[in-house]
């Protein structure tokens, strides 16, 4: 993704406003004030609030794709791959909690069809990496075959979403790395044949 430093600053600040004030608090006026320049200057970088949110989601998409590509290896044990994938996610969000709201905010789904599509594409990135891990784990007898691999992926991703939502509504007050590790180990127990 080609974003200028200023655009990265804008989407990062937008994520922080979403985390602290919700979608209603993310106005171009509030965003410009937080960054320290006029709304007109903001519009030189993005045409609208929707474009800012879309840029934020596209940034997360590109970042997640690169991170998961870096940790996923087809020659590695599926259990190790599974752990690496989720540990990468928990580490990223522990360092960037303001992006949790953008990814897991139900209010964004109603904002526009474009935002809805961007969120679906973001989910698809994770599924693209997780599905082969689960399938390989099933083929090797490491994961249960009581459900199909896609159904297992939905259960796994739902568990991750719930964990992140709990962290968000707790105002990021608990250690997501520690709780994420507990969640991972619980999922691995459930995945055993």
N, C-alpha and C. Protein backbone atom coordinates (compact mmCIF):
# COMPACT_ATOMS: atom_id res chain seq x y z
N UNK A 1 0.84 -1.19 0.00
CA UNK A 1 0.00 0.00 0.00
C UNK A 1 0.87 1.23 0.00
N UNK A 2 0.55 2.17 -0.85
CA UNK A 2 1.31 3.41 -0.91
C UNK A 2 0.57 4.50 -0.15
N UNK A 3 0.98 4.70 1.08
CA UNK A 3 0.44 5.79 1.90
C UNK A 3 1.59 6.68 2.32
N UNK A 4 1.36 7.97 2.29
CA UNK A 4 2.38 8.91 2.75
C UNK A 4 2.45 8.84 4.28
N UNK A 5 3.51 9.38 4.84
CA UNK A 5 3.64 9.42 6.30
C UNK A 5 2.47 10.15 6.91
N UNK A 6 2.03 11.23 6.27
CA UNK A 6 0.90 12.00 6.79
C UNK A 6 -0.39 11.17 6.76
N UNK A 7 -0.60 10.41 5.68
CA UNK A 7 -1.78 9.57 5.60
C UNK A 7 -1.75 8.47 6.67
N UNK A 8 -0.57 7.90 6.91
CA UNK A 8 -0.44 6.91 7.99
C UNK A 8 -0.76 7.54 9.34
N UNK A 9 -0.31 8.77 9.55
CA UNK A 9 -0.62 9.47 10.79
C UNK A 9 -2.13 9.68 10.91
N UNK A 10 -2.77 10.02 9.82
CA UNK A 10 -4.22 10.27 9.83
C UNK A 10 -4.98 8.99 10.16
N UNK A 11 -4.64 7.88 9.52
CA UNK A 11 -5.39 6.66 9.80
C UNK A 11 -5.10 6.12 11.20
N UNK A 12 -3.86 6.30 11.68
CA UNK A 12 -3.55 5.91 13.05
C UNK A 12 -4.34 6.72 14.05
N UNK A 13 -4.43 8.02 13.82
CA UNK A 13 -5.20 8.89 14.69
C UNK A 13 -6.69 8.57 14.60
N UNK A 14 -7.16 8.26 13.40
CA UNK A 14 -8.57 7.86 13.23
C UNK A 14 -8.86 6.62 14.06
N UNK A 15 -7.95 5.66 14.05
CA UNK A 15 -8.12 4.45 14.86
C UNK A 15 -8.18 4.77 16.34
N UNK A 16 -7.35 5.69 16.79
CA UNK A 16 -7.35 6.09 18.21
C UNK A 16 -8.66 6.78 18.58
N UNK A 17 -9.18 7.60 17.69
CA UNK A 17 -10.47 8.26 17.96
C UNK A 17 -11.59 7.22 18.00
N UNK A 18 -11.56 6.26 17.08
CA UNK A 18 -12.56 5.18 17.10
C UNK A 18 -12.51 4.44 18.43
N UNK A 19 -11.30 4.19 18.93
CA UNK A 19 -11.16 3.45 20.19
C UNK A 19 -11.67 4.25 21.38
N UNK A 20 -11.46 5.55 21.36
CA UNK A 20 -11.85 6.36 22.53
C UNK A 20 -13.25 6.92 22.44
N UNK A 21 -13.72 7.25 21.23
CA UNK A 21 -15.01 7.94 21.10
C UNK A 21 -16.00 7.22 20.20
N UNK A 22 -15.61 6.11 19.60
CA UNK A 22 -16.52 5.38 18.74
C UNK A 22 -16.68 6.03 17.38
N UNK A 23 -17.51 5.43 16.56
CA UNK A 23 -17.71 5.91 15.20
C UNK A 23 -18.30 7.32 15.18
N UNK A 24 -19.21 7.60 16.13
CA UNK A 24 -19.80 8.94 16.20
C UNK A 24 -18.78 10.02 16.51
N UNK A 25 -17.73 9.66 17.24
CA UNK A 25 -16.68 10.63 17.58
C UNK A 25 -15.68 10.86 16.47
N UNK A 26 -15.68 9.97 15.49
CA UNK A 26 -14.74 10.12 14.37
C UNK A 26 -15.35 11.05 13.33
N UNK A 27 -15.09 12.33 13.51
CA UNK A 27 -15.51 13.33 12.53
C UNK A 27 -14.25 13.94 11.95
N UNK A 28 -14.38 14.51 10.78
CA UNK A 28 -13.21 15.16 10.18
C UNK A 28 -12.76 16.34 11.04
N UNK A 29 -13.70 17.00 11.69
CA UNK A 29 -13.36 18.12 12.57
C UNK A 29 -12.52 17.62 13.76
N UNK A 30 -12.98 16.54 14.42
CA UNK A 30 -12.22 15.98 15.55
C UNK A 30 -10.87 15.44 15.11
N UNK A 31 -10.84 14.80 13.96
CA UNK A 31 -9.60 14.23 13.45
C UNK A 31 -8.59 15.33 13.13
N UNK A 32 -9.05 16.37 12.45
CA UNK A 32 -8.14 17.48 12.11
C UNK A 32 -7.62 18.14 13.39
N UNK A 33 -8.49 18.34 14.36
CA UNK A 33 -8.07 18.97 15.62
C UNK A 33 -7.03 18.11 16.34
N UNK A 34 -7.27 16.80 16.36
CA UNK A 34 -6.35 15.88 17.05
C UNK A 34 -4.96 15.88 16.39
N UNK A 35 -4.94 15.96 15.08
CA UNK A 35 -3.66 15.95 14.36
C UNK A 35 -2.99 17.32 14.41
N UNK A 36 -3.83 18.36 14.48
CA UNK A 36 -3.27 19.71 14.59
C UNK A 36 -3.25 20.49 13.29
N UNK A 37 -4.20 20.21 12.42
CA UNK A 37 -4.33 21.06 11.24
C UNK A 37 -5.80 21.19 10.85
N UNK A 38 -6.07 21.96 9.83
CA UNK A 38 -7.45 22.28 9.45
C UNK A 38 -8.12 21.11 8.73
N UNK A 39 -9.47 21.16 8.69
CA UNK A 39 -10.21 20.16 7.94
C UNK A 39 -9.84 20.22 6.46
N UNK A 40 -9.62 21.41 5.96
CA UNK A 40 -9.23 21.56 4.54
C UNK A 40 -7.93 20.81 4.26
N UNK A 41 -7.00 20.88 5.18
CA UNK A 41 -5.73 20.16 5.02
C UNK A 41 -5.97 18.65 5.03
N UNK A 42 -6.90 18.22 5.87
CA UNK A 42 -7.25 16.80 5.93
C UNK A 42 -7.79 16.32 4.58
N UNK A 43 -8.61 17.15 3.96
CA UNK A 43 -9.21 16.78 2.68
C UNK A 43 -8.20 16.76 1.54
N UNK A 44 -7.03 17.29 1.75
CA UNK A 44 -5.98 17.17 0.73
C UNK A 44 -5.42 15.74 0.71
N UNK A 45 -5.60 15.03 1.81
CA UNK A 45 -5.07 13.67 1.91
C UNK A 45 -6.13 12.60 1.67
N UNK A 46 -7.37 12.89 2.07
CA UNK A 46 -8.49 11.95 1.90
C UNK A 46 -9.74 12.74 1.54
N UNK A 47 -10.54 12.18 0.64
CA UNK A 47 -11.73 12.88 0.16
C UNK A 47 -12.87 12.89 1.17
N UNK A 48 -12.89 11.91 2.10
CA UNK A 48 -14.01 11.81 3.02
C UNK A 48 -13.64 10.94 4.22
N UNK A 49 -14.52 10.93 5.21
CA UNK A 49 -14.35 10.06 6.37
C UNK A 49 -14.35 8.60 5.92
N UNK A 50 -15.23 8.27 4.96
CA UNK A 50 -15.28 6.91 4.44
C UNK A 50 -13.93 6.51 3.85
N UNK A 51 -13.30 7.42 3.11
CA UNK A 51 -11.99 7.11 2.50
C UNK A 51 -10.92 6.89 3.58
N UNK A 52 -11.03 7.60 4.68
CA UNK A 52 -10.08 7.41 5.79
C UNK A 52 -10.25 6.01 6.38
N UNK A 53 -11.50 5.63 6.63
CA UNK A 53 -11.76 4.30 7.20
C UNK A 53 -11.33 3.21 6.22
N UNK A 54 -11.61 3.42 4.93
CA UNK A 54 -11.19 2.44 3.93
C UNK A 54 -9.67 2.32 3.88
N UNK A 55 -8.98 3.43 3.97
CA UNK A 55 -7.51 3.40 3.97
C UNK A 55 -7.01 2.66 5.20
N UNK A 56 -7.64 2.88 6.34
CA UNK A 56 -7.26 2.19 7.56
C UNK A 56 -7.44 0.68 7.38
N UNK A 57 -8.57 0.26 6.84
CA UNK A 57 -8.83 -1.16 6.63
C UNK A 57 -7.89 -1.77 5.59
N UNK A 58 -7.59 -1.02 4.55
CA UNK A 58 -6.64 -1.52 3.54
C UNK A 58 -5.23 -1.64 4.10
N UNK A 59 -4.86 -0.69 4.95
CA UNK A 59 -3.57 -0.77 5.62
C UNK A 59 -3.50 -2.03 6.47
N UNK A 60 -4.56 -2.28 7.25
CA UNK A 60 -4.60 -3.48 8.09
C UNK A 60 -4.56 -4.74 7.23
N UNK A 61 -5.24 -4.72 6.09
CA UNK A 61 -5.25 -5.85 5.17
C UNK A 61 -3.83 -6.15 4.69
N UNK A 62 -3.15 -5.13 4.21
CA UNK A 62 -1.78 -5.32 3.69
C UNK A 62 -0.83 -5.75 4.80
N UNK A 63 -0.96 -5.14 5.98
CA UNK A 63 -0.10 -5.49 7.11
C UNK A 63 -0.33 -6.93 7.54
N UNK A 64 -1.60 -7.32 7.68
CA UNK A 64 -1.91 -8.69 8.10
C UNK A 64 -1.42 -9.69 7.07
N UNK A 65 -1.64 -9.42 5.82
CA UNK A 65 -1.20 -10.34 4.77
C UNK A 65 0.31 -10.55 4.83
N UNK A 66 1.05 -9.47 5.00
CA UNK A 66 2.51 -9.58 5.07
C UNK A 66 2.97 -10.31 6.33
N UNK A 67 2.38 -9.96 7.47
CA UNK A 67 2.76 -10.60 8.74
C UNK A 67 2.47 -12.10 8.70
N UNK A 68 1.27 -12.45 8.25
CA UNK A 68 0.90 -13.87 8.24
C UNK A 68 1.70 -14.64 7.20
N UNK A 69 2.04 -13.99 6.11
CA UNK A 69 2.92 -14.63 5.11
C UNK A 69 4.28 -14.91 5.73
N UNK A 70 4.78 -13.99 6.54
CA UNK A 70 6.08 -14.15 7.17
C UNK A 70 6.11 -15.27 8.21
N UNK A 71 4.98 -15.52 8.89
CA UNK A 71 4.99 -16.55 9.94
C UNK A 71 4.46 -17.90 9.45
N UNK A 72 3.76 -17.92 8.34
CA UNK A 72 3.20 -19.18 7.83
C UNK A 72 4.22 -19.89 6.96
N UNK A 73 4.43 -21.17 7.29
CA UNK A 73 5.35 -21.97 6.50
C UNK A 73 4.71 -23.32 6.24
N UNK A 74 4.67 -23.72 5.00
CA UNK A 74 4.01 -24.98 4.65
C UNK A 74 4.80 -26.19 5.14
N UNK A 75 6.10 -26.02 5.40
CA UNK A 75 6.92 -27.15 5.85
C UNK A 75 6.94 -27.28 7.37
N UNK A 76 6.18 -26.45 8.06
CA UNK A 76 6.17 -26.46 9.51
C UNK A 76 4.96 -27.23 10.02
N UNK A 77 5.10 -27.76 11.20
CA UNK A 77 4.01 -28.44 11.88
C UNK A 77 2.78 -27.54 11.95
N UNK A 78 1.59 -28.05 11.61
CA UNK A 78 0.38 -27.23 11.63
C UNK A 78 0.09 -26.59 13.00
N UNK A 79 0.42 -27.30 14.06
CA UNK A 79 0.19 -26.74 15.40
C UNK A 79 1.10 -25.52 15.61
N UNK A 80 2.36 -25.63 15.21
CA UNK A 80 3.29 -24.50 15.34
C UNK A 80 2.83 -23.35 14.45
N UNK A 81 2.37 -23.66 13.25
CA UNK A 81 1.86 -22.63 12.35
C UNK A 81 0.63 -21.94 12.93
N UNK A 82 -0.25 -22.71 13.51
CA UNK A 82 -1.46 -22.19 14.14
C UNK A 82 -1.09 -21.19 15.25
N UNK A 83 -0.17 -21.62 16.10
CA UNK A 83 0.28 -20.73 17.19
C UNK A 83 0.92 -19.46 16.63
N UNK A 84 1.79 -19.61 15.64
CA UNK A 84 2.50 -18.45 15.09
C UNK A 84 1.53 -17.45 14.48
N UNK A 85 0.51 -17.95 13.79
CA UNK A 85 -0.47 -17.07 13.16
C UNK A 85 -1.18 -16.22 14.22
N UNK A 86 -1.68 -16.87 15.26
CA UNK A 86 -2.43 -16.12 16.28
C UNK A 86 -1.52 -15.28 17.16
N UNK A 87 -0.33 -15.76 17.45
CA UNK A 87 0.59 -14.93 18.24
C UNK A 87 0.95 -13.66 17.48
N UNK A 88 1.08 -13.75 16.17
CA UNK A 88 1.34 -12.56 15.36
C UNK A 88 0.19 -11.57 15.50
N UNK A 89 -1.03 -12.07 15.44
CA UNK A 89 -2.20 -11.21 15.57
C UNK A 89 -2.26 -10.56 16.96
N UNK A 90 -2.06 -11.34 18.00
CA UNK A 90 -2.13 -10.79 19.35
C UNK A 90 -1.01 -9.77 19.60
N UNK A 91 0.17 -10.04 19.09
CA UNK A 91 1.28 -9.07 19.24
C UNK A 91 0.96 -7.77 18.51
N UNK A 92 0.47 -7.88 17.29
CA UNK A 92 0.14 -6.67 16.54
C UNK A 92 -0.88 -5.83 17.29
N UNK A 93 -1.97 -6.45 17.72
CA UNK A 93 -3.02 -5.69 18.38
C UNK A 93 -2.60 -5.20 19.76
N UNK A 94 -1.72 -5.92 20.44
CA UNK A 94 -1.24 -5.42 21.75
C UNK A 94 -0.45 -4.13 21.56
N UNK A 95 0.22 -3.99 20.44
CA UNK A 95 0.98 -2.78 20.15
C UNK A 95 0.14 -1.71 19.47
N UNK A 96 -1.00 -2.10 18.91
CA UNK A 96 -1.88 -1.18 18.17
C UNK A 96 -3.33 -1.40 18.57
N UNK A 97 -3.67 -1.22 19.85
CA UNK A 97 -5.04 -1.54 20.28
C UNK A 97 -6.10 -0.69 19.58
N UNK A 98 -5.72 0.49 19.14
CA UNK A 98 -6.70 1.35 18.48
C UNK A 98 -7.22 0.75 17.18
N UNK A 99 -6.51 -0.19 16.59
CA UNK A 99 -7.00 -0.81 15.36
C UNK A 99 -8.04 -1.89 15.63
N UNK A 100 -8.13 -2.36 16.88
CA UNK A 100 -9.12 -3.38 17.21
C UNK A 100 -10.52 -2.86 16.92
N UNK A 101 -10.75 -1.61 17.26
CA UNK A 101 -12.08 -1.03 17.08
C UNK A 101 -12.44 -1.01 15.59
N UNK A 102 -11.49 -0.69 14.76
CA UNK A 102 -11.76 -0.63 13.32
C UNK A 102 -12.12 -2.00 12.77
N UNK A 103 -11.47 -3.02 13.25
CA UNK A 103 -11.68 -4.36 12.72
C UNK A 103 -12.91 -5.02 13.34
N UNK A 104 -13.16 -4.74 14.61
CA UNK A 104 -14.21 -5.46 15.32
C UNK A 104 -15.38 -4.58 15.72
N UNK A 105 -15.55 -3.46 15.08
CA UNK A 105 -16.66 -2.56 15.39
C UNK A 105 -17.85 -2.88 14.49
N UNK A 106 -18.95 -3.26 15.12
CA UNK A 106 -20.15 -3.55 14.34
C UNK A 106 -20.70 -2.29 13.69
N UNK A 107 -20.45 -1.13 14.25
CA UNK A 107 -20.93 0.12 13.69
C UNK A 107 -20.35 0.40 12.31
N UNK A 108 -19.16 -0.09 12.04
CA UNK A 108 -18.55 0.15 10.73
C UNK A 108 -19.28 -0.61 9.64
N UNK A 109 -19.87 -1.75 9.97
CA UNK A 109 -20.56 -2.55 8.97
C UNK A 109 -21.72 -1.79 8.35
N UNK A 110 -22.32 -0.88 9.07
CA UNK A 110 -23.47 -0.14 8.57
C UNK A 110 -23.06 1.13 7.84
N UNK A 111 -21.81 1.48 7.90
CA UNK A 111 -21.35 2.74 7.34
C UNK A 111 -21.48 2.79 5.82
N UNK A 112 -21.03 1.76 5.14
CA UNK A 112 -21.12 1.76 3.68
C UNK A 112 -20.84 0.38 3.12
N UNK A 113 -21.26 0.17 1.89
CA UNK A 113 -20.99 -1.11 1.23
C UNK A 113 -19.49 -1.29 1.02
N UNK A 114 -18.80 -0.21 0.71
CA UNK A 114 -17.34 -0.29 0.49
C UNK A 114 -16.63 -0.72 1.77
N UNK A 115 -17.04 -0.15 2.90
CA UNK A 115 -16.42 -0.52 4.18
C UNK A 115 -16.75 -1.97 4.51
N UNK A 116 -18.00 -2.35 4.29
CA UNK A 116 -18.40 -3.73 4.50
C UNK A 116 -17.52 -4.68 3.70
N UNK A 117 -17.31 -4.36 2.43
CA UNK A 117 -16.49 -5.19 1.56
C UNK A 117 -15.04 -5.24 2.05
N UNK A 118 -14.51 -4.12 2.49
CA UNK A 118 -13.13 -4.08 2.99
C UNK A 118 -12.97 -4.94 4.24
N UNK A 119 -13.98 -4.94 5.11
CA UNK A 119 -13.93 -5.77 6.32
C UNK A 119 -14.00 -7.25 5.93
N UNK A 120 -14.85 -7.58 4.99
CA UNK A 120 -14.93 -8.97 4.52
C UNK A 120 -13.60 -9.42 3.91
N UNK A 121 -12.96 -8.55 3.15
CA UNK A 121 -11.66 -8.88 2.56
C UNK A 121 -10.60 -9.07 3.65
N UNK A 122 -10.69 -8.29 4.69
CA UNK A 122 -9.76 -8.43 5.82
C UNK A 122 -9.94 -9.80 6.49
N UNK A 123 -11.19 -10.20 6.69
CA UNK A 123 -11.46 -11.52 7.27
C UNK A 123 -10.94 -12.62 6.35
N UNK A 124 -11.09 -12.41 5.05
CA UNK A 124 -10.67 -13.41 4.08
C UNK A 124 -9.16 -13.63 4.12
N UNK A 125 -8.40 -12.58 4.38
CA UNK A 125 -6.95 -12.74 4.48
C UNK A 125 -6.60 -13.76 5.55
N UNK A 126 -7.21 -13.60 6.71
CA UNK A 126 -6.92 -14.52 7.80
C UNK A 126 -7.37 -15.93 7.44
N UNK A 127 -8.54 -16.04 6.83
CA UNK A 127 -9.04 -17.36 6.42
C UNK A 127 -8.10 -18.02 5.41
N UNK A 128 -7.52 -17.22 4.52
CA UNK A 128 -6.61 -17.76 3.50
C UNK A 128 -5.38 -18.42 4.12
N UNK A 129 -4.96 -17.92 5.27
CA UNK A 129 -3.81 -18.52 5.95
C UNK A 129 -4.23 -19.63 6.91
N UNK A 130 -5.37 -19.46 7.55
CA UNK A 130 -5.81 -20.40 8.57
C UNK A 130 -6.35 -21.70 7.97
N UNK A 131 -7.09 -21.61 6.89
CA UNK A 131 -7.71 -22.80 6.30
C UNK A 131 -6.69 -23.87 5.90
N UNK A 132 -5.59 -23.52 5.23
CA UNK A 132 -4.61 -24.56 4.89
C UNK A 132 -3.95 -25.19 6.14
N UNK A 133 -3.79 -24.40 7.18
CA UNK A 133 -3.20 -24.93 8.42
C UNK A 133 -4.14 -25.97 9.03
N UNK A 134 -5.42 -25.61 9.12
CA UNK A 134 -6.41 -26.53 9.69
C UNK A 134 -6.54 -27.78 8.82
N UNK A 135 -6.61 -27.60 7.51
CA UNK A 135 -6.73 -28.74 6.59
C UNK A 135 -5.53 -29.68 6.73
N UNK A 136 -4.34 -29.12 6.78
CA UNK A 136 -3.13 -29.95 6.93
C UNK A 136 -3.14 -30.67 8.28
N UNK A 137 -3.57 -29.95 9.32
CA UNK A 137 -3.65 -30.58 10.64
C UNK A 137 -4.64 -31.74 10.66
N UNK A 138 -5.73 -31.60 9.93
CA UNK A 138 -6.70 -32.70 9.83
C UNK A 138 -6.11 -33.87 9.04
N UNK A 139 -5.44 -33.56 7.95
CA UNK A 139 -4.85 -34.61 7.12
C UNK A 139 -3.79 -35.40 7.88
N UNK A 140 -3.07 -34.72 8.78
CA UNK A 140 -2.03 -35.39 9.56
C UNK A 140 -2.57 -36.01 10.84
N UNK A 141 -3.87 -35.91 11.06
CA UNK A 141 -4.47 -36.50 12.26
C UNK A 141 -4.22 -35.70 13.53
N UNK A 142 -3.80 -34.44 13.38
CA UNK A 142 -3.53 -33.60 14.54
C UNK A 142 -4.76 -32.84 15.00
N UNK A 143 -5.67 -32.58 14.08
CA UNK A 143 -6.91 -31.85 14.37
C UNK A 143 -8.10 -32.74 14.07
N UNK A 144 -9.16 -32.53 14.78
CA UNK A 144 -10.38 -33.31 14.62
C UNK A 144 -10.93 -33.24 13.19
N UNK A 145 -11.54 -34.33 12.81
CA UNK A 145 -12.23 -34.37 11.52
C UNK A 145 -13.74 -34.46 11.73
N UNK A 146 -14.18 -34.21 12.97
CA UNK A 146 -15.61 -34.25 13.29
C UNK A 146 -16.36 -33.14 12.56
N UNK A 147 -15.65 -32.09 12.22
CA UNK A 147 -16.21 -30.98 11.44
C UNK A 147 -15.32 -30.77 10.23
N UNK A 148 -15.87 -30.16 9.20
CA UNK A 148 -15.06 -29.80 8.04
C UNK A 148 -14.10 -28.67 8.40
N UNK A 149 -13.07 -28.51 7.60
CA UNK A 149 -12.06 -27.50 7.90
C UNK A 149 -12.65 -26.09 7.90
N UNK A 150 -13.57 -25.80 6.99
CA UNK A 150 -14.16 -24.45 6.97
C UNK A 150 -14.97 -24.17 8.22
N UNK A 151 -15.72 -25.17 8.71
CA UNK A 151 -16.49 -24.99 9.93
C UNK A 151 -15.56 -24.77 11.12
N UNK A 152 -14.46 -25.50 11.18
CA UNK A 152 -13.49 -25.30 12.25
C UNK A 152 -12.89 -23.90 12.20
N UNK A 153 -12.60 -23.44 10.99
CA UNK A 153 -12.05 -22.09 10.85
C UNK A 153 -13.04 -21.05 11.36
N UNK A 154 -14.32 -21.24 11.10
CA UNK A 154 -15.33 -20.30 11.59
C UNK A 154 -15.38 -20.30 13.12
N UNK A 155 -15.29 -21.47 13.73
CA UNK A 155 -15.28 -21.56 15.20
C UNK A 155 -14.03 -20.87 15.76
N UNK A 156 -12.90 -21.11 15.13
CA UNK A 156 -11.64 -20.53 15.59
C UNK A 156 -11.68 -19.00 15.46
N UNK A 157 -12.12 -18.53 14.31
CA UNK A 157 -12.16 -17.08 14.10
C UNK A 157 -13.20 -16.42 15.01
N UNK A 158 -14.29 -17.12 15.29
CA UNK A 158 -15.28 -16.60 16.23
C UNK A 158 -14.70 -16.47 17.63
N UNK A 159 -13.90 -17.45 18.03
CA UNK A 159 -13.24 -17.40 19.34
C UNK A 159 -12.28 -16.22 19.42
N UNK A 160 -11.52 -16.01 18.34
CA UNK A 160 -10.59 -14.88 18.30
C UNK A 160 -11.36 -13.56 18.39
N UNK A 161 -12.42 -13.46 17.63
CA UNK A 161 -13.23 -12.23 17.62
C UNK A 161 -13.79 -11.96 19.02
N UNK A 162 -14.31 -13.00 19.68
CA UNK A 162 -14.85 -12.82 21.03
C UNK A 162 -13.77 -12.36 21.99
N UNK A 163 -12.57 -12.95 21.90
CA UNK A 163 -11.47 -12.56 22.78
C UNK A 163 -11.10 -11.09 22.58
N UNK A 164 -11.04 -10.66 21.33
CA UNK A 164 -10.69 -9.28 21.04
C UNK A 164 -11.81 -8.33 21.47
N UNK A 165 -13.05 -8.76 21.32
CA UNK A 165 -14.18 -7.93 21.75
C UNK A 165 -14.17 -7.76 23.26
N UNK A 166 -13.90 -8.85 23.99
CA UNK A 166 -13.82 -8.75 25.45
C UNK A 166 -12.71 -7.78 25.87
N UNK A 167 -11.58 -7.83 25.18
CA UNK A 167 -10.47 -6.93 25.47
C UNK A 167 -10.88 -5.49 25.22
N UNK A 168 -11.58 -5.29 24.13
CA UNK A 168 -12.03 -3.94 23.77
C UNK A 168 -13.00 -3.38 24.80
N UNK A 169 -14.02 -4.16 25.19
CA UNK A 169 -15.00 -3.63 26.14
C UNK A 169 -14.43 -3.52 27.55
N UNK A 170 -13.32 -4.21 27.81
CA UNK A 170 -12.60 -4.05 29.08
C UNK A 170 -11.64 -2.87 28.99
N UNK A 171 -11.77 -2.10 27.92
CA UNK A 171 -10.91 -0.92 27.70
C UNK A 171 -9.43 -1.29 27.68
N UNK A 172 -9.13 -2.46 27.11
CA UNK A 172 -7.74 -2.93 26.92
C UNK A 172 -7.00 -3.09 28.24
N UNK A 173 -7.71 -3.37 29.32
CA UNK A 173 -7.11 -3.39 30.65
C UNK A 173 -6.47 -4.71 31.03
N UNK A 174 -6.70 -5.79 30.27
CA UNK A 174 -6.02 -7.04 30.63
C UNK A 174 -4.96 -7.35 29.59
N UNK A 175 -4.06 -8.24 29.96
CA UNK A 175 -2.93 -8.60 29.10
C UNK A 175 -3.41 -9.51 27.96
N UNK A 176 -3.57 -8.94 26.78
CA UNK A 176 -4.09 -9.69 25.65
C UNK A 176 -3.12 -10.79 25.20
N UNK A 177 -1.84 -10.61 25.42
CA UNK A 177 -0.88 -11.65 25.05
C UNK A 177 -1.07 -12.89 25.92
N UNK A 178 -1.25 -12.67 27.22
CA UNK A 178 -1.45 -13.79 28.14
C UNK A 178 -2.80 -14.45 27.89
N UNK A 179 -3.86 -13.65 27.80
CA UNK A 179 -5.19 -14.20 27.56
C UNK A 179 -5.27 -14.86 26.18
N UNK A 180 -4.58 -14.27 25.21
CA UNK A 180 -4.55 -14.87 23.88
C UNK A 180 -3.88 -16.24 23.90
N UNK A 181 -2.84 -16.37 24.69
CA UNK A 181 -2.15 -17.67 24.82
C UNK A 181 -3.09 -18.71 25.43
N UNK A 182 -3.84 -18.31 26.46
CA UNK A 182 -4.82 -19.24 27.05
C UNK A 182 -5.86 -19.66 26.01
N UNK A 183 -6.32 -18.69 25.23
CA UNK A 183 -7.31 -19.00 24.20
C UNK A 183 -6.73 -19.98 23.17
N UNK A 184 -5.50 -19.73 22.76
CA UNK A 184 -4.84 -20.61 21.79
C UNK A 184 -4.77 -22.04 22.30
N UNK A 185 -4.33 -22.19 23.54
CA UNK A 185 -4.19 -23.53 24.11
C UNK A 185 -5.55 -24.21 24.26
N UNK A 186 -6.58 -23.45 24.64
CA UNK A 186 -7.92 -24.02 24.73
C UNK A 186 -8.41 -24.49 23.36
N UNK A 187 -8.16 -23.66 22.33
CA UNK A 187 -8.56 -24.06 20.98
C UNK A 187 -7.82 -25.31 20.53
N UNK A 188 -6.54 -25.40 20.85
CA UNK A 188 -5.78 -26.58 20.44
C UNK A 188 -6.29 -27.85 21.14
N UNK A 189 -6.76 -27.70 22.37
CA UNK A 189 -7.38 -28.85 23.05
C UNK A 189 -8.66 -29.26 22.33
N UNK A 190 -9.47 -28.26 21.99
CA UNK A 190 -10.73 -28.55 21.28
C UNK A 190 -10.49 -29.13 19.89
N UNK A 191 -9.38 -28.76 19.27
CA UNK A 191 -9.09 -29.25 17.92
C UNK A 191 -8.54 -30.67 17.88
N UNK A 192 -8.12 -31.17 19.04
CA UNK A 192 -7.54 -32.53 19.05
C UNK A 192 -8.59 -33.56 18.61
N UNK A 193 -8.11 -34.57 17.89
CA UNK A 193 -9.07 -35.62 17.44
C UNK A 193 -9.59 -36.44 18.61
